[in-house]
Amino acid sequence: MQDKVYTVYILSMLITQLCHSLEEHQVRYALLGGYAVALYGAERGTVDINFVIEWE
């Protein structure tokens, strides 16, 4: 169980850093998927992570 908590923590830190980097470079993006749903407190069977990035 501790390994799973550690993995979720590391994943959360990675996503946070990626979001900060995208914002720093003024890249428009959306975070979608089960992970995004979990951020709102809803339970879901998956924790997939999807990013949509605006391409110019």
Protein backbone atom coordinates (compact mmCIF):
# COMPACT_ATOMS: atom_id res chain seq x y z
CA MET A 1 0.00 0.00 0.00
CA GLN A 2 2.83 2.40 0.83
CA ASP A 3 4.33 1.92 -2.65
CA LYS A 4 1.00 2.85 -4.23
CA VAL A 5 0.73 6.02 -2.14
CA TYR A 6 4.31 6.96 -3.05
CA THR A 7 3.60 6.36 -6.75
CA VAL A 8 0.47 8.54 -6.64
CA TYR A 9 2.45 11.26 -4.87
CA ILE A 10 5.24 11.20 -7.48
CA LEU A 11 2.68 11.20 -10.30
CA SER A 12 0.90 14.17 -8.76
CA MET A 13 4.16 16.09 -8.48
CA LEU A 14 5.01 15.30 -12.12
CA ILE A 15 1.62 16.50 -13.35
CA THR A 16 1.90 19.66 -11.24
CA GLN A 17 5.34 20.43 -12.69
CA LEU A 18 4.08 19.79 -16.23
CA CYS A 19 1.10 22.12 -15.71
CA HIS A 20 3.34 24.84 -14.29
CA SER A 21 5.70 24.51 -17.24
CA LEU A 22 2.86 24.72 -19.76
CA GLU A 23 1.49 27.81 -18.02
CA GLU A 24 4.95 29.39 -17.84
CA HIS A 25 5.26 29.01 -21.61
CA GLN A 26 1.68 30.24 -22.13
CA VAL A 27 0.56 26.96 -23.67
CA ARG A 28 -3.20 26.49 -23.56
CA TYR A 29 -4.09 23.02 -22.30
CA ALA A 30 -6.76 20.96 -20.59
CA LEU A 31 -6.28 18.09 -18.17
CA LEU A 32 -8.83 15.34 -18.82
CA GLY A 33 -9.52 11.77 -17.83
CA GLY A 34 -9.95 9.91 -14.58
CA TYR A 35 -7.19 11.85 -12.84
CA ALA A 36 -8.92 15.15 -13.59
CA VAL A 37 -12.23 13.75 -12.32
CA ALA A 38 -10.50 12.60 -9.11
CA LEU A 39 -9.24 16.17 -8.53
CA TYR A 40 -12.89 17.18 -8.19
CA GLY A 41 -13.44 14.47 -5.59
CA ALA A 42 -15.43 12.06 -7.73
CA GLU A 43 -14.59 8.37 -7.66
CA ARG A 44 -13.84 6.65 -10.92
CA GLY A 45 -12.55 3.19 -11.83
CA THR A 46 -9.63 4.55 -13.81
CA VAL A 47 -7.03 7.21 -13.19
CA ASP A 48 -5.95 7.78 -16.76
CA ILE A 49 -4.29 11.09 -17.50
CA ASN A 50 -4.99 12.95 -20.72
CA PHE A 51 -3.79 16.35 -21.84
CA VAL A 52 -5.22 18.33 -24.73
CA ILE A 53 -2.81 20.97 -25.98
CA GLU A 54 -3.75 23.76 -28.36
CA TRP A 55 -1.64 23.49 -31.50
CA GLU A 56 -1.11 26.64 -33.54
